[in-house]
Structures are given as C-alpha cells and as structure tokens.
Amino acid sequence: MKTILVLHGINLDMFGQRDSRHYGTVTLAQIDRRLKALGSELNVAVECFQTNHEGEMVEKIHQAHAAKTDAVVINAGAWTHYSYGIMDALGLLAAPVVEVHMSHVHAREAFRHVSVIAPVVRGQISGFGVNSYLLGLRAAVDLIRDME
C-alpha cells in the first residue's frame, strides 16, 4: 500500500479556534479524520503530522525521504512564506509534494502571495477550506499513479 504523509505547519493545531472567516470552524483532528477516511477510499495509507517547531518539521521530511514515502501533502502555514530550511528539505524528496492552504492566500495580505516552497512542489491548492486538503490528497494519489 502506498503511503502519503500530510504535514501541518505552525499554528495549524489551532484550526477551529483561528479566524473562522479564513479557516472555518473545523479542527485539525477533524481534518485528519477526513484525510484518513479518504485515504482508505483511495487505497492509500495516510499519516498526519503537525508541529509548531521548524526543526521538527525538517526532521519529519528527512524521515519521509529515508522511508521513501510515496507522496507528501503540506500546509506549512506561515513557514510557506519564509522557510528556506523547509524548502530545502522538501527538495530532497523524490516523491511528489502538493502544497495546500485552507484560505485563498492570493486574496489575502501581500506577504501570503509568495510561497518559498513553490519551486519544489508539484502544485498548489488553496481557498477551498478542508477541501483543499482532500483535493491535495487526490492530486498526490494521481501523481503516484502517474509514476507507476
């Protein structure tokens, strides 16, 4: 069975308590449950990981590289806009990486329009709330299948 790692970055453990106008009221635990349920439907294993510590995120990406994880879906949160360390770590992966965001980042503050991880991901999905994650998972599965 193929494995897809879903990475949630800084402050995303606060979904359900953050600005509901941009993020809705869904919690991270609810997102993870929906991702795992969809993974079962698509016949892939989904592993979810969240941290507020950049070094831990980099270490988890290194572990995914060593384990030859089949694909990664990442919402790096604010790290999207400035973490060259996370970008470099993602660049190590041979597996496809899909960037997702709950809010429509290009309709928000100017600093959110720039993703420093964009050069090392296959694509970006934003603005669809929880569905951004689900679409990202579907995209990752399709990318895996395209590589077979």
C-alpha atoms as a PDB file:
ATOM      1  CA  MET A   1       0.000   0.000   0.000  1.00  0.00           C
ATOM      2  CA  LYS A   2       1.272   3.463  -0.879  1.00  0.00           C
ATOM      3  CA  THR A   3       1.858   5.954   1.944  1.00  0.00           C
ATOM      4  CA  ILE A   4       1.122   9.672   1.840  1.00  0.00           C
ATOM      5  CA  LEU A   5       2.439  11.963   4.560  1.00  0.00           C
ATOM      6  CA  VAL A   6       0.302  15.006   5.367  1.00  0.00           C
ATOM      7  CA  LEU A   7       2.286  17.761   7.081  1.00  0.00           C
ATOM      8  CA  HIS A   8       0.601  20.558   9.020  1.00  0.00           C
ATOM      9  CA  GLY A   9       2.807  23.504   9.957  1.00  0.00           C
ATOM     10  CA  ILE A  10       2.965  26.228  12.516  1.00  0.00           C
ATOM     11  CA  ASN A  11      -0.256  27.304  14.275  1.00  0.00           C
ATOM     12  CA  LEU A  12      -2.385  24.824  12.339  1.00  0.00           C
ATOM     13  CA  ASP A  13      -3.129  22.947  15.548  1.00  0.00           C
ATOM     14  CA  MET A  14      -5.333  25.978  16.249  1.00  0.00           C
ATOM     15  CA  PHE A  15      -7.801  25.268  13.425  1.00  0.00           C
ATOM     16  CA  GLY A  16     -11.273  25.630  14.878  1.00  0.00           C
ATOM     17  CA  GLN A  17     -10.060  28.481  17.080  1.00  0.00           C
ATOM     18  CA  ARG A  18      -8.474  30.705  14.409  1.00  0.00           C
ATOM     19  CA  ASP A  19     -10.205  33.274  12.203  1.00  0.00           C
ATOM     20  CA  SER A  20     -13.271  31.350  11.017  1.00  0.00           C
ATOM     21  CA  ARG A  21     -13.661  33.742   8.071  1.00  0.00           C
ATOM     22  CA  HIS A  22     -10.498  32.247   6.545  1.00  0.00           C
ATOM     23  CA  TYR A  23     -10.282  28.816   8.160  1.00  0.00           C
ATOM     24  CA  GLY A  24     -13.824  27.790   9.045  1.00  0.00           C
ATOM     25  CA  THR A  25     -14.613  26.031  12.297  1.00  0.00           C
ATOM     26  CA  VAL A  26     -13.187  22.594  11.559  1.00  0.00           C
ATOM     27  CA  THR A  27     -10.456  21.311  13.885  1.00  0.00           C
ATOM     28  CA  LEU A  28      -7.183  19.715  12.867  1.00  0.00           C
ATOM     29  CA  ALA A  29      -8.365  16.387  14.319  1.00  0.00           C
ATOM     30  CA  GLN A  30     -11.450  16.555  12.086  1.00  0.00           C
ATOM     31  CA  ILE A  31      -9.284  17.311   9.044  1.00  0.00           C
ATOM     32  CA  ASP A  32      -7.020  14.367   9.843  1.00  0.00           C
ATOM     33  CA  ARG A  33     -10.025  12.029  10.210  1.00  0.00           C
ATOM     34  CA  ARG A  34     -11.394  13.130   6.841  1.00  0.00           C
ATOM     35  CA  LEU A  35      -7.991  12.659   5.202  1.00  0.00           C
ATOM     36  CA  LYS A  36      -7.620   9.142   6.608  1.00  0.00           C
ATOM     37  CA  ALA A  37     -11.153   8.219   5.544  1.00  0.00           C
ATOM     38  CA  LEU A  38     -10.471   9.451   2.012  1.00  0.00           C
ATOM     39  CA  GLY A  39      -7.155   7.622   2.049  1.00  0.00           C
ATOM     40  CA  SER A  40      -8.995   4.387   2.826  1.00  0.00           C
ATOM     41  CA  GLU A  41     -11.359   5.009  -0.097  1.00  0.00           C
ATOM     42  CA  LEU A  42      -8.377   5.637  -2.388  1.00  0.00           C
ATOM     43  CA  ASN A  43      -6.477   2.604  -1.024  1.00  0.00           C
ATOM     44  CA  VAL A  44      -3.536   4.588   0.410  1.00  0.00           C
ATOM     45  CA  ALA A  45      -2.230   4.920   3.949  1.00  0.00           C
ATOM     46  CA  VAL A  46      -2.321   8.482   5.260  1.00  0.00           C
ATOM     47  CA  GLU A  47      -0.007   9.612   8.045  1.00  0.00           C
ATOM     48  CA  CYS A  48      -0.654  13.062   9.542  1.00  0.00           C
ATOM     49  CA  PHE A  49       1.892  15.148  11.449  1.00  0.00           C
ATOM     50  CA  GLN A  50       1.695  18.652  12.955  1.00  0.00           C
ATOM     51  CA  THR A  51       4.351  20.698  14.684  1.00  0.00           C
ATOM     52  CA  ASN A  52       4.991  24.285  15.703  1.00  0.00           C
ATOM     53  CA  HIS A  53       8.760  23.679  15.625  1.00  0.00           C
ATOM     54  CA  GLU A  54      10.513  24.200  12.311  1.00  0.00           C
ATOM     55  CA  GLY A  55      13.339  21.786  13.078  1.00  0.00           C
ATOM     56  CA  GLU A  56      10.841  19.023  13.870  1.00  0.00           C
ATOM     57  CA  MET A  57       9.165  19.630  10.507  1.00  0.00           C
ATOM     58  CA  VAL A  58      12.516  19.354   8.734  1.00  0.00           C
ATOM     59  CA  GLU A  59      13.319  16.134  10.639  1.00  0.00           C
ATOM     60  CA  LYS A  60       9.950  14.648   9.648  1.00  0.00           C
ATOM     61  CA  ILE A  61      10.661  15.475   5.994  1.00  0.00           C
ATOM     62  CA  HIS A  62      14.095  13.827   6.336  1.00  0.00           C
ATOM     63  CA  GLN A  63      12.381  10.728   7.766  1.00  0.00           C
ATOM     64  CA  ALA A  64       9.973  10.706   4.800  1.00  0.00           C
ATOM     65  CA  HIS A  65      12.977  10.824   2.474  1.00  0.00           C
ATOM     66  CA  ALA A  66      14.670   7.915   4.271  1.00  0.00           C
ATOM     67  CA  ALA A  67      11.438   5.890   4.321  1.00  0.00           C
ATOM     68  CA  LYS A  68      10.829   6.581   0.621  1.00  0.00           C
ATOM     69  CA  THR A  69       7.350   7.924   1.394  1.00  0.00           C
ATOM     70  CA  ASP A  70       5.289   7.850  -1.793  1.00  0.00           C
ATOM     71  CA  ALA A  71       3.967  11.450  -1.647  1.00  0.00           C
ATOM     72  CA  VAL A  72       3.660  14.436   0.674  1.00  0.00           C
ATOM     73  CA  VAL A  73       0.833  16.927   1.117  1.00  0.00           C
ATOM     74  CA  ILE A  74       1.940  20.005   3.045  1.00  0.00           C
ATOM     75  CA  ASN A  75       0.289  23.049   4.551  1.00  0.00           C
ATOM     76  CA  ALA A  76       3.343  24.744   6.000  1.00  0.00           C
ATOM     77  CA  GLY A  77       1.302  27.626   7.442  1.00  0.00           C
ATOM     78  CA  ALA A  78       3.360  30.806   7.816  1.00  0.00           C
ATOM     79  CA  TRP A  79       6.558  28.845   7.062  1.00  0.00           C
ATOM     80  CA  THR A  80       5.300  28.783   3.462  1.00  0.00           C
ATOM     81  CA  HIS A  81       6.369  32.394   3.122  1.00  0.00           C
ATOM     82  CA  TYR A  82       9.855  32.341   4.624  1.00  0.00           C
ATOM     83  CA  SER A  83      11.265  28.912   5.498  1.00  0.00           C
ATOM     84  CA  TYR A  84      14.099  28.127   3.151  1.00  0.00           C
ATOM     85  CA  GLY A  85      15.013  25.282   5.518  1.00  0.00           C
ATOM     86  CA  ILE A  86      11.688  23.544   4.858  1.00  0.00           C
ATOM     87  CA  MET A  87      12.031  24.287   1.141  1.00  0.00           C
ATOM     88  CA  ASP A  88      15.490  22.676   1.089  1.00  0.00           C
ATOM     89  CA  ALA A  89      14.221  19.627   2.989  1.00  0.00           C
ATOM     90  CA  LEU A  90      11.268  19.179   0.625  1.00  0.00           C
ATOM     91  CA  GLY A  91      13.695  19.474  -2.272  1.00  0.00           C
ATOM     92  CA  LEU A  92      15.411  16.275  -1.074  1.00  0.00           C
ATOM     93  CA  LEU A  93      12.303  14.225  -1.714  1.00  0.00           C
ATOM     94  CA  ALA A  94      11.989  12.103  -4.830  1.00  0.00           C
ATOM     95  CA  ALA A  95       8.278  11.800  -4.043  1.00  0.00           C
ATOM     96  CA  PRO A  96       5.774  14.344  -5.364  1.00  0.00           C
ATOM     97  CA  VAL A  97       4.815  17.149  -2.987  1.00  0.00           C
ATOM     98  CA  VAL A  98       1.489  19.010  -3.094  1.00  0.00           C
ATOM     99  CA  GLU A  99       1.126  22.362  -1.279  1.00  0.00           C
ATOM    100  CA  VAL A 100      -2.281  23.147   0.228  1.00  0.00           C
ATOM    101  CA  HIS A 101      -3.857  26.071   2.079  1.00  0.00           C
ATOM    102  CA  MET A 102      -7.321  26.348   3.604  1.00  0.00           C
ATOM    103  CA  SER A 103      -7.660  30.047   2.787  1.00  0.00           C
ATOM    104  CA  HIS A 104      -7.306  31.712  -0.603  1.00  0.00           C
ATOM    105  CA  VAL A 105      -3.793  33.032   0.028  1.00  0.00           C
ATOM    106  CA  HIS A 106      -3.740  35.221  -3.096  1.00  0.00           C
ATOM    107  CA  ALA A 107      -6.798  37.151  -1.906  1.00  0.00           C
ATOM    108  CA  ARG A 108      -5.182  37.980   1.424  1.00  0.00           C
ATOM    109  CA  GLU A 109      -2.231  40.071   2.649  1.00  0.00           C
ATOM    110  CA  ALA A 110       0.591  40.578   0.125  1.00  0.00           C
ATOM    111  CA  PHE A 111       3.127  38.544   2.129  1.00  0.00           C
ATOM    112  CA  ARG A 112       0.887  35.474   1.720  1.00  0.00           C
ATOM    113  CA  HIS A 113       1.137  35.687  -2.079  1.00  0.00           C
ATOM    114  CA  VAL A 114       4.708  34.372  -2.050  1.00  0.00           C
ATOM    115  CA  SER A 115       5.460  30.713  -1.368  1.00  0.00           C
ATOM    116  CA  VAL A 116       9.153  29.939  -0.974  1.00  0.00           C
ATOM    117  CA  ILE A 117       8.322  26.228  -1.137  1.00  0.00           C
ATOM    118  CA  ALA A 118       6.573  26.582  -4.519  1.00  0.00           C
ATOM    119  CA  PRO A 119       9.718  25.794  -6.557  1.00  0.00           C
ATOM    120  CA  VAL A 120       9.941  22.286  -5.033  1.00  0.00           C
ATOM    121  CA  VAL A 121       6.264  21.254  -5.103  1.00  0.00           C
ATOM    122  CA  ARG A 122       4.241  19.863  -7.998  1.00  0.00           C
ATOM    123  CA  GLY A 123       1.340  22.254  -7.438  1.00  0.00           C
ATOM    124  CA  GLN A 124      -0.646  24.364  -5.003  1.00  0.00           C
ATOM    125  CA  ILE A 125      -4.300  24.168  -3.976  1.00  0.00           C
ATOM    126  CA  SER A 126      -5.778  26.997  -1.909  1.00  0.00           C
ATOM    127  CA  GLY A 127      -9.023  28.616  -0.939  1.00  0.00           C
ATOM    128  CA  PHE A 128     -11.290  25.588  -0.573  1.00  0.00           C
ATOM    129  CA  GLY A 129     -11.164  25.102   3.198  1.00  0.00           C
ATOM    130  CA  VAL A 130     -10.954  21.439   4.204  1.00  0.00           C
ATOM    131  CA  ASN A 131     -11.456  20.504   0.565  1.00  0.00           C
ATOM    132  CA  SER A 132      -8.017  21.960  -0.187  1.00  0.00           C
ATOM    133  CA  TYR A 133      -6.554  19.092   1.830  1.00  0.00           C
ATOM    134  CA  LEU A 134      -8.844  16.499   0.233  1.00  0.00           C
ATOM    135  CA  LEU A 135      -8.079  17.770  -3.267  1.00  0.00           C
ATOM    136  CA  GLY A 136      -4.382  17.745  -2.360  1.00  0.00           C
ATOM    137  CA  LEU A 137      -4.624  14.124  -1.273  1.00  0.00           C
ATOM    138  CA  ARG A 138      -6.414  13.196  -4.503  1.00  0.00           C
ATOM    139  CA  ALA A 139      -3.734  15.014  -6.503  1.00  0.00           C
ATOM    140  CA  ALA A 140      -0.977  13.181  -4.618  1.00  0.00           C
ATOM    141  CA  VAL A 141      -2.618   9.819  -5.332  1.00  0.00           C
ATOM    142  CA  ASP A 142      -2.916  10.707  -9.031  1.00  0.00           C
ATOM    143  CA  LEU A 143       0.757  11.754  -9.137  1.00  0.00           C
ATOM    144  CA  ILE A 144       1.794   8.441  -7.574  1.00  0.00           C
ATOM    145  CA  ARG A 145      -0.265   6.508 -10.086  1.00  0.00           C
ATOM    146  CA  ASP A 146       1.185   8.541 -12.962  1.00  0.00           C
ATOM    147  CA  MET A 147       4.680   7.488 -11.825  1.00  0.00           C
ATOM    148  CA  GLU A 148       3.859   3.748 -11.880  1.00  0.00           C
END
